[in-house]
Amino acid sequence: MKEAIHPKYFDVEARCACGATWTTRSTKPELHLEICSSCHPFFTGKQKMLDTEGRIERFSKKYGAQTSESRKTAAAAAKAKKAAAAAPAR
């Protein structure tokens, strides 16, 4: 391994714009962040779905709020209906 080719590695205190701080290591002596896991909408649960073309509404209308149980019961009902239609009439 060559000597003196690696950058210096510092113990730094990372600071977010929201005020959160934590200690980490970096090749830069200071870390100032705009957003972190404490204030990011995805991690805080305040994420908004932006639906400009109605895609989410169309998807929900087409497929509904399906659960695995509702899909299983619908599949069983479709199978029973298909079996009844395939049975010969007397």
PDB file of N, CA and C in Angstrom:
ATOM      1  N   MET A   1       0.846  -1.166   0.000  1.00  0.00           N
ATOM      2  CA  MET A   1       0.000   0.000   0.000  1.00  0.00           C
ATOM      3  C   MET A   1       0.897   1.237   0.000  1.00  0.00           C
ATOM      4  N   LYS A   2       0.580   2.177  -0.859  1.00  0.00           N
ATOM      5  CA  LYS A   2       1.415   3.381  -0.960  1.00  0.00           C
ATOM      6  C   LYS A   2       1.177   4.312   0.214  1.00  0.00           C
ATOM      7  N   GLU A   3       2.230   4.975   0.616  1.00  0.00           N
ATOM      8  CA  GLU A   3       2.161   5.946   1.708  1.00  0.00           C
ATOM      9  C   GLU A   3       1.730   7.311   1.169  1.00  0.00           C
ATOM     10  N   ALA A   4       1.028   8.084   1.980  1.00  0.00           N
ATOM     11  CA  ALA A   4       0.675   9.483   1.730  1.00  0.00           C
ATOM     12  C   ALA A   4      -0.211   9.710   0.507  1.00  0.00           C
ATOM     13  N   ILE A   5      -1.012   8.715   0.117  1.00  0.00           N
ATOM     14  CA  ILE A   5      -1.940   8.952  -1.000  1.00  0.00           C
ATOM     15  C   ILE A   5      -3.384   9.032  -0.513  1.00  0.00           C
ATOM     16  N   HIS A   6      -3.620   8.652   0.718  1.00  0.00           N
ATOM     17  CA  HIS A   6      -4.968   8.653   1.256  1.00  0.00           C
ATOM     18  C   HIS A   6      -5.296   9.991   1.916  1.00  0.00           C
ATOM     19  N   PRO A   7      -6.537  10.455   1.801  1.00  0.00           N
ATOM     20  CA  PRO A   7      -6.895  11.734   2.434  1.00  0.00           C
ATOM     21  C   PRO A   7      -6.977  11.597   3.948  1.00  0.00           C
ATOM     22  N   LYS A   8      -6.904  12.721   4.626  1.00  0.00           N
ATOM     23  CA  LYS A   8      -7.061  12.739   6.081  1.00  0.00           C
ATOM     24  C   LYS A   8      -8.502  12.362   6.410  1.00  0.00           C
ATOM     25  N   TYR A   9      -8.696  11.685   7.521  1.00  0.00           N
ATOM     26  CA  TYR A   9     -10.009  11.218   7.947  1.00  0.00           C
ATOM     27  C   TYR A   9     -10.304  11.843   9.295  1.00  0.00           C
ATOM     28  N   PHE A  10     -11.333  12.676   9.372  1.00  0.00           N
ATOM     29  CA  PHE A  10     -11.632  13.451  10.574  1.00  0.00           C
ATOM     30  C   PHE A  10     -12.848  12.899  11.309  1.00  0.00           C
ATOM     31  N   ASP A  11     -12.853  13.068  12.638  1.00  0.00           N
ATOM     32  CA  ASP A  11     -14.071  12.886  13.430  1.00  0.00           C
ATOM     33  C   ASP A  11     -14.787  14.226  13.388  1.00  0.00           C
ATOM     34  N   VAL A  12     -16.001  14.261  12.815  1.00  0.00           N
ATOM     35  CA  VAL A  12     -16.719  15.520  12.660  1.00  0.00           C
ATOM     36  C   VAL A  12     -18.102  15.432  13.282  1.00  0.00           C
ATOM     37  N   GLU A  13     -18.648  16.587  13.577  1.00  0.00           N
ATOM     38  CA  GLU A  13     -20.022  16.675  14.047  1.00  0.00           C
ATOM     39  C   GLU A  13     -20.858  17.196  12.880  1.00  0.00           C
ATOM     40  N   ALA A  14     -21.705  16.352  12.341  1.00  0.00           N
ATOM     41  CA  ALA A  14     -22.564  16.737  11.221  1.00  0.00           C
ATOM     42  C   ALA A  14     -23.723  17.552  11.764  1.00  0.00           C
ATOM     43  N   ARG A  15     -24.057  18.662  11.083  1.00  0.00           N
ATOM     44  CA  ARG A  15     -25.135  19.547  11.503  1.00  0.00           C
ATOM     45  C   ARG A  15     -26.148  19.693  10.380  1.00  0.00           C
ATOM     46  N   CYS A  16     -27.399  19.482  10.706  1.00  0.00           N
ATOM     47  CA  CYS A  16     -28.479  19.641   9.733  1.00  0.00           C
ATOM     48  C   CYS A  16     -29.095  21.029   9.904  1.00  0.00           C
ATOM     49  N   ALA A  17     -29.784  21.497   8.877  1.00  0.00           N
ATOM     50  CA  ALA A  17     -30.451  22.800   8.952  1.00  0.00           C
ATOM     51  C   ALA A  17     -31.563  22.796   9.999  1.00  0.00           C
ATOM     52  N   CYS A  18     -32.126  21.620  10.308  1.00  0.00           N
ATOM     53  CA  CYS A  18     -33.196  21.542  11.311  1.00  0.00           C
ATOM     54  C   CYS A  18     -32.648  21.636  12.734  1.00  0.00           C
ATOM     55  N   GLY A  19     -31.337  21.514  12.892  1.00  0.00           N
ATOM     56  CA  GLY A  19     -30.737  21.616  14.212  1.00  0.00           C
ATOM     57  C   GLY A  19     -30.211  20.302  14.755  1.00  0.00           C
ATOM     58  N   ALA A  20     -30.488  19.217  14.082  1.00  0.00           N
ATOM     59  CA  ALA A  20     -30.003  17.919  14.533  1.00  0.00           C
ATOM     60  C   ALA A  20     -28.496  17.820  14.318  1.00  0.00           C
ATOM     61  N   THR A  21     -27.812  17.197  15.265  1.00  0.00           N
ATOM     62  CA  THR A  21     -26.366  16.996  15.147  1.00  0.00           C
ATOM     63  C   THR A  21     -26.041  15.561  15.541  1.00  0.00           C
ATOM     64  N   TRP A  22     -24.991  15.016  14.942  1.00  0.00           N
ATOM     65  CA  TRP A  22     -24.489  13.703  15.286  1.00  0.00           C
ATOM     66  C   TRP A  22     -23.024  13.635  14.899  1.00  0.00           C
ATOM     67  N   THR A  23     -22.339  12.710  15.510  1.00  0.00           N
ATOM     68  CA  THR A  23     -20.906  12.555  15.263  1.00  0.00           C
ATOM     69  C   THR A  23     -20.701  11.446  14.240  1.00  0.00           C
ATOM     70  N   THR A  24     -19.837  11.711  13.294  1.00  0.00           N
ATOM     71  CA  THR A  24     -19.495  10.740  12.258  1.00  0.00           C
ATOM     72  C   THR A  24     -18.055  10.968  11.834  1.00  0.00           C
ATOM     73  N   ARG A  25     -17.628  10.286  10.812  1.00  0.00           N
ATOM     74  CA  ARG A  25     -16.270  10.469  10.290  1.00  0.00           C
ATOM     75  C   ARG A  25     -16.373  10.856   8.830  1.00  0.00           C
ATOM     76  N   SER A  26     -15.454  11.723   8.387  1.00  0.00           N
ATOM     77  CA  SER A  26     -15.495  12.213   7.022  1.00  0.00           C
ATOM     78  C   SER A  26     -14.114  12.687   6.593  1.00  0.00           C
ATOM     79  N   THR A  27     -13.944  12.831   5.284  1.00  0.00           N
ATOM     80  CA  THR A  27     -12.698  13.388   4.768  1.00  0.00           C
ATOM     81  C   THR A  27     -12.752  14.905   4.770  1.00  0.00           C
ATOM     82  N   LYS A  28     -13.916  15.483   5.049  1.00  0.00           N
ATOM     83  CA  LYS A  28     -14.054  16.936   5.170  1.00  0.00           C
ATOM     84  C   LYS A  28     -14.089  17.298   6.646  1.00  0.00           C
ATOM     85  N   PRO A  29     -13.500  18.406   7.028  1.00  0.00           N
ATOM     86  CA  PRO A  29     -13.457  18.756   8.449  1.00  0.00           C
ATOM     87  C   PRO A  29     -14.800  19.209   9.017  1.00  0.00           C
ATOM     88  N   GLU A  30     -15.738  19.635   8.168  1.00  0.00           N
ATOM     89  CA  GLU A  30     -17.065  20.062   8.634  1.00  0.00           C
ATOM     90  C   GLU A  30     -18.131  19.518   7.703  1.00  0.00           C
ATOM     91  N   LEU A  31     -19.288  19.153   8.269  1.00  0.00           N
ATOM     92  CA  LEU A  31     -20.424  18.713   7.461  1.00  0.00           C
ATOM     93  C   LEU A  31     -21.649  19.526   7.844  1.00  0.00           C
ATOM     94  N   HIS A  32     -22.205  20.249   6.880  1.00  0.00           N
ATOM     95  CA  HIS A  32     -23.437  21.003   7.071  1.00  0.00           C
ATOM     96  C   HIS A  32     -24.434  20.486   6.046  1.00  0.00           C
ATOM     97  N   LEU A  33     -25.545  19.932   6.521  1.00  0.00           N
ATOM     98  CA  LEU A  33     -26.532  19.307   5.649  1.00  0.00           C
ATOM     99  C   LEU A  33     -27.812  20.132   5.589  1.00  0.00           C
ATOM    100  N   GLU A  34     -28.515  20.040   4.474  1.00  0.00           N
ATOM    101  CA  GLU A  34     -29.791  20.736   4.336  1.00  0.00           C
ATOM    102  C   GLU A  34     -30.943  19.918   4.898  1.00  0.00           C
ATOM    103  N   ILE A  35     -30.838  18.599   4.791  1.00  0.00           N
ATOM    104  CA  ILE A  35     -31.924  17.729   5.225  1.00  0.00           C
ATOM    105  C   ILE A  35     -31.341  16.430   5.761  1.00  0.00           C
ATOM    106  N   CYS A  36     -31.987  15.878   6.780  1.00  0.00           N
ATOM    107  CA  CYS A  36     -31.511  14.631   7.386  1.00  0.00           C
ATOM    108  C   CYS A  36     -32.702  13.722   7.658  1.00  0.00           C
ATOM    109  N   SER A  37     -32.462  12.581   8.248  1.00  0.00           N
ATOM    110  CA  SER A  37     -33.554  11.649   8.528  1.00  0.00           C
ATOM    111  C   SER A  37     -34.509  12.173   9.600  1.00  0.00           C
ATOM    112  N   SER A  38     -34.086  13.152  10.378  1.00  0.00           N
ATOM    113  CA  SER A  38     -34.962  13.721  11.403  1.00  0.00           C
ATOM    114  C   SER A  38     -35.992  14.682  10.821  1.00  0.00           C
ATOM    115  N   CYS A  39     -35.669  15.283   9.670  1.00  0.00           N
ATOM    116  CA  CYS A  39     -36.590  16.277   9.109  1.00  0.00           C
ATOM    117  C   CYS A  39     -37.076  15.936   7.699  1.00  0.00           C
ATOM    118  N   HIS A  40     -36.597  14.854   7.102  1.00  0.00           N
ATOM    119  CA  HIS A  40     -37.026  14.486   5.755  1.00  0.00           C
ATOM    120  C   HIS A  40     -38.469  13.983   5.800  1.00  0.00           C
ATOM    121  N   PRO A  41     -39.335  14.449   4.891  1.00  0.00           N
ATOM    122  CA  PRO A  41     -40.743  14.053   4.916  1.00  0.00           C
ATOM    123  C   PRO A  41     -40.971  12.553   4.822  1.00  0.00           C
ATOM    124  N   PHE A  42     -40.145  11.836   4.105  1.00  0.00           N
ATOM    125  CA  PHE A  42     -40.320  10.393   3.985  1.00  0.00           C
ATOM    126  C   PHE A  42     -40.158   9.706   5.331  1.00  0.00           C
ATOM    127  N   PHE A  43     -39.178  10.117   6.123  1.00  0.00           N
ATOM    128  CA  PHE A  43     -38.908   9.478   7.399  1.00  0.00           C
ATOM    129  C   PHE A  43     -39.812   9.992   8.514  1.00  0.00           C
ATOM    130  N   THR A  44     -40.328  11.200   8.399  1.00  0.00           N
ATOM    131  CA  THR A  44     -41.187  11.747   9.448  1.00  0.00           C
ATOM    132  C   THR A  44     -42.645  11.386   9.259  1.00  0.00           C
ATOM    133  N   GLY A  45     -43.014  10.856   8.089  1.00  0.00           N
ATOM    134  CA  GLY A  45     -44.401  10.474   7.825  1.00  0.00           C
ATOM    135  C   GLY A  45     -45.250  11.619   7.325  1.00  0.00           C
ATOM    136  N   LYS A  46     -44.651  12.729   6.971  1.00  0.00           N
ATOM    137  CA  LYS A  46     -45.396  13.892   6.496  1.00  0.00           C
ATOM    138  C   LYS A  46     -45.285  14.037   4.981  1.00  0.00           C
ATOM    139  N   GLN A  47     -44.993  12.917   4.313  1.00  0.00           N
ATOM    140  CA  GLN A  47     -44.822  12.945   2.868  1.00  0.00           C
ATOM    141  C   GLN A  47     -46.170  13.114   2.191  1.00  0.00           C
ATOM    142  N   LYS A  48     -46.216  13.985   1.201  1.00  0.00           N
ATOM    143  CA  LYS A  48     -47.439  14.213   0.443  1.00  0.00           C
ATOM    144  C   LYS A  48     -47.273  13.592  -0.934  1.00  0.00           C
ATOM    145  N   MET A  49     -48.329  12.933  -1.391  1.00  0.00           N
ATOM    146  CA  MET A  49     -48.296  12.365  -2.724  1.00  0.00           C
ATOM    147  C   MET A  49     -48.771  13.437  -3.698  1.00  0.00           C
ATOM    148  N   LEU A  50     -47.938  13.778  -4.639  1.00  0.00           N
ATOM    149  CA  LEU A  50     -48.274  14.772  -5.638  1.00  0.00           C
ATOM    150  C   LEU A  50     -48.845  14.050  -6.840  1.00  0.00           C
ATOM    151  N   ASP A  51     -50.130  14.267  -7.105  1.00  0.00           N
ATOM    152  CA  ASP A  51     -50.821  13.565  -8.176  1.00  0.00           C
ATOM    153  C   ASP A  51     -51.377  14.597  -9.139  1.00  0.00           C
ATOM    154  N   THR A  52     -50.586  14.957 -10.127  1.00  0.00           N
ATOM    155  CA  THR A  52     -50.992  16.020 -11.039  1.00  0.00           C
ATOM    156  C   THR A  52     -51.909  15.537 -12.145  1.00  0.00           C
ATOM    157  N   GLU A  53     -51.845  14.269 -12.489  1.00  0.00           N
ATOM    158  CA  GLU A  53     -52.640  13.778 -13.603  1.00  0.00           C
ATOM    159  C   GLU A  53     -53.702  12.781 -13.168  1.00  0.00           C
ATOM    160  N   GLY A  54     -53.969  12.646 -11.888  1.00  0.00           N
ATOM    161  CA  GLY A  54     -55.007  11.738 -11.419  1.00  0.00           C
ATOM    162  C   GLY A  54     -54.619  10.278 -11.494  1.00  0.00           C
ATOM    163  N   ARG A  55     -53.342   9.984 -11.553  1.00  0.00           N
ATOM    164  CA  ARG A  55     -52.889   8.599 -11.709  1.00  0.00           C
ATOM    165  C   ARG A  55     -53.230   7.757 -10.487  1.00  0.00           C
ATOM    166  N   ILE A  56     -53.044   8.318  -9.313  1.00  0.00           N
ATOM    167  CA  ILE A  56     -53.324   7.560  -8.101  1.00  0.00           C
ATOM    168  C   ILE A  56     -54.816   7.272  -8.001  1.00  0.00           C
ATOM    169  N   GLU A  57     -55.628   8.257  -8.323  1.00  0.00           N
ATOM    170  CA  GLU A  57     -57.080   8.070  -8.275  1.00  0.00           C
ATOM    171  C   GLU A  57     -57.525   7.017  -9.289  1.00  0.00           C
ATOM    172  N   ARG A  58     -56.973   7.064 -10.498  1.00  0.00           N
ATOM    173  CA  ARG A  58     -57.327   6.068 -11.513  1.00  0.00           C
ATOM    174  C   ARG A  58     -56.909   4.669 -11.080  1.00  0.00           C
ATOM    175  N   PHE A  59     -55.734   4.544 -10.495  1.00  0.00           N
ATOM    176  CA  PHE A  59     -55.261   3.247 -10.015  1.00  0.00           C
ATOM    177  C   PHE A  59     -56.175   2.724  -8.916  1.00  0.00           C
ATOM    178  N   SER A  60     -56.520   3.592  -7.966  1.00  0.00           N
ATOM    179  CA  SER A  60     -57.388   3.175  -6.870  1.00  0.00           C
ATOM    180  C   SER A  60     -58.767   2.788  -7.374  1.00  0.00           C
ATOM    181  N   LYS A  61     -59.264   3.501  -8.363  1.00  0.00           N
ATOM    182  CA  LYS A  61     -60.573   3.184  -8.923  1.00  0.00           C
ATOM    183  C   LYS A  61     -60.533   1.840  -9.649  1.00  0.00           C
ATOM    184  N   LYS A  62     -59.466   1.589 -10.377  1.00  0.00           N
ATOM    185  CA  LYS A  62     -59.341   0.364 -11.156  1.00  0.00           C
ATOM    186  C   LYS A  62     -59.116  -0.859 -10.274  1.00  0.00           C
ATOM    187  N   TYR A  63     -58.190  -0.751  -9.324  1.00  0.00           N
ATOM    188  CA  TYR A  63     -57.823  -1.890  -8.502  1.00  0.00           C
ATOM    189  C   TYR A  63     -58.378  -1.826  -7.089  1.00  0.00           C
ATOM    190  N   GLY A  64     -58.807  -0.678  -6.648  1.00  0.00           N
ATOM    191  CA  GLY A  64     -59.348  -0.523  -5.308  1.00  0.00           C
ATOM    192  C   GLY A  64     -58.279  -0.720  -4.250  1.00  0.00           C
ATOM    193  N   ALA A  65     -58.685  -0.636  -3.026  1.00  0.00           N
ATOM    194  CA  ALA A  65     -57.762  -0.858  -1.914  1.00  0.00           C
ATOM    195  C   ALA A  65     -57.790  -2.342  -1.599  1.00  0.00           C
ATOM    196  N   GLN A  66     -57.091  -3.120  -2.390  1.00  0.00           N
ATOM    197  CA  GLN A  66     -57.113  -4.565  -2.249  1.00  0.00           C
ATOM    198  C   GLN A  66     -56.147  -5.018  -1.168  1.00  0.00           C
ATOM    199  N   THR A  67     -56.573  -6.047  -0.461  1.00  0.00           N
ATOM    200  CA  THR A  67     -55.698  -6.706   0.493  1.00  0.00           C
ATOM    201  C   THR A  67     -55.495  -8.125   0.009  1.00  0.00           C
ATOM    202  N   SER A  68     -54.586  -8.835   0.601  1.00  0.00           N
ATOM    203  CA  SER A  68     -54.339 -10.208   0.176  1.00  0.00           C
ATOM    204  C   SER A  68     -55.558 -11.085   0.441  1.00  0.00           C
ATOM    205  N   GLU A  69     -56.267 -10.831   1.526  1.00  0.00           N
ATOM    206  CA  GLU A  69     -57.472 -11.612   1.826  1.00  0.00           C
ATOM    207  C   GLU A  69     -58.570 -11.359   0.799  1.00  0.00           C
ATOM    208  N   SER A  70     -58.767 -10.101   0.418  1.00  0.00           N
ATOM    209  CA  SER A  70     -59.819  -9.806  -0.562  1.00  0.00           C
ATOM    210  C   SER A  70     -59.471 -10.394  -1.924  1.00  0.00           C
ATOM    211  N   ARG A  71     -58.178 -10.435  -2.261  1.00  0.00           N
ATOM    212  CA  ARG A  71     -57.766 -11.054  -3.523  1.00  0.00           C
ATOM    213  C   ARG A  71     -57.997 -12.555  -3.490  1.00  0.00           C
ATOM    214  N   LYS A  72     -57.744 -13.201  -2.347  1.00  0.00           N
ATOM    215  CA  LYS A  72     -57.955 -14.640  -2.221  1.00  0.00           C
ATOM    216  C   LYS A  72     -59.433 -14.987  -2.338  1.00  0.00           C
ATOM    217  N   THR A  73     -60.289 -14.221  -1.679  1.00  0.00           N
ATOM    218  CA  THR A  73     -61.719 -14.506  -1.752  1.00  0.00           C
ATOM    219  C   THR A  73     -62.263 -14.238  -3.156  1.00  0.00           C
ATOM    220  N   ALA A  74     -61.764 -13.202  -3.815  1.00  0.00           N
ATOM    221  CA  ALA A  74     -62.188 -12.914  -5.180  1.00  0.00           C
ATOM    222  C   ALA A  74     -61.730 -14.013  -6.129  1.00  0.00           C
ATOM    223  N   ALA A  75     -60.526 -14.533  -5.937  1.00  0.00           N
ATOM    224  CA  ALA A  75     -60.020 -15.621  -6.783  1.00  0.00           C
ATOM    225  C   ALA A  75     -60.828 -16.895  -6.562  1.00  0.00           C
ATOM    226  N   ALA A  76     -61.181 -17.182  -5.314  1.00  0.00           N
ATOM    227  CA  ALA A  76     -61.988 -18.366  -5.013  1.00  0.00           C
ATOM    228  C   ALA A  76     -63.375 -18.240  -5.629  1.00  0.00           C
ATOM    229  N   ALA A  77     -63.950 -17.056  -5.566  1.00  0.00           N
ATOM    230  CA  ALA A  77     -65.273 -16.833  -6.146  1.00  0.00           C
ATOM    231  C   ALA A  77     -65.229 -16.972  -7.670  1.00  0.00           C
ATOM    232  N   ALA A  78     -64.175 -16.464  -8.290  1.00  0.00           N
ATOM    233  CA  ALA A  78     -64.029 -16.576  -9.748  1.00  0.00           C
ATOM    234  C   ALA A  78     -63.834 -18.033 -10.154  1.00  0.00           C
ATOM    235  N   LYS A  79     -63.099 -18.793  -9.359  1.00  0.00           N
ATOM    236  CA  LYS A  79     -62.868 -20.206  -9.647  1.00  0.00           C
ATOM    237  C   LYS A  79     -64.168 -20.998  -9.530  1.00  0.00           C
ATOM    238  N   ALA A  80     -64.959 -20.688  -8.493  1.00  0.00           N
ATOM    239  CA  ALA A  80     -66.241 -21.368  -8.309  1.00  0.00           C
ATOM    240  C   ALA A  80     -67.207 -21.031  -9.447  1.00  0.00           C
ATOM    241  N   LYS A  81     -67.192 -19.778  -9.879  1.00  0.00           N
ATOM    242  CA  LYS A  81     -68.065 -19.360 -10.975  1.00  0.00           C
ATOM    243  C   LYS A  81     -67.668 -20.060 -12.273  1.00  0.00           C
ATOM    244  N   LYS A  82     -66.366 -20.185 -12.501  1.00  0.00           N
ATOM    245  CA  LYS A  82     -65.867 -20.848 -13.702  1.00  0.00           C
ATOM    246  C   LYS A  82     -66.216 -22.337 -13.679  1.00  0.00           C
ATOM    247  N   ALA A  83     -66.103 -22.966 -12.503  1.00  0.00           N
ATOM    248  CA  ALA A  83     -66.427 -24.382 -12.363  1.00  0.00           C
ATOM    249  C   ALA A  83     -67.926 -24.610 -12.574  1.00  0.00           C
ATOM    250  N   ALA A  84     -68.753 -23.695 -12.092  1.00  0.00           N
ATOM    251  CA  ALA A  84     -70.206 -23.815 -12.270  1.00  0.00           C
ATOM    252  C   ALA A  84     -70.593 -23.643 -13.731  1.00  0.00           C
ATOM    253  N   ALA A  85     -69.906 -22.771 -14.433  1.00  0.00           N
ATOM    254  CA  ALA A  85     -70.203 -22.541 -15.844  1.00  0.00           C
ATOM    255  C   ALA A  85     -69.720 -23.697 -16.705  1.00  0.00           C
ATOM    256  N   ALA A  86     -68.680 -24.395 -16.283  1.00  0.00           N
ATOM    257  CA  ALA A  86     -68.140 -25.517 -17.052  1.00  0.00           C
ATOM    258  C   ALA A  86     -68.915 -26.807 -16.808  1.00  0.00           C
ATOM    259  N   ALA A  87     -69.672 -26.874 -15.727  1.00  0.00           N
ATOM    260  CA  ALA A  87     -70.446 -28.083 -15.416  1.00  0.00           C
ATOM    261  C   ALA A  87     -71.572 -28.212 -16.447  1.00  0.00           C
ATOM    262  N   PRO A  88     -71.790 -29.442 -16.954  1.00  0.00           N
ATOM    263  CA  PRO A  88     -72.855 -29.630 -17.955  1.00  0.00           C
ATOM    264  C   PRO A  88     -74.238 -29.459 -17.327  1.00  0.00           C
ATOM    265  N   ALA A  89     -75.131 -28.842 -18.067  1.00  0.00           N
ATOM    266  CA  ALA A  89     -76.502 -28.627 -17.600  1.00  0.00           C
ATOM    267  C   ALA A  89     -77.316 -29.892 -17.891  1.00  0.00           C
ATOM    268  N   ARG A  90     -78.198 -30.325 -17.004  1.00  0.00           N
ATOM    269  CA  ARG A  90     -79.018 -31.541 -17.190  1.00  0.00           C
ATOM    270  C   ARG A  90     -80.423 -31.207 -17.461  1.00  0.00           C
TER     271      ARG A  90
END
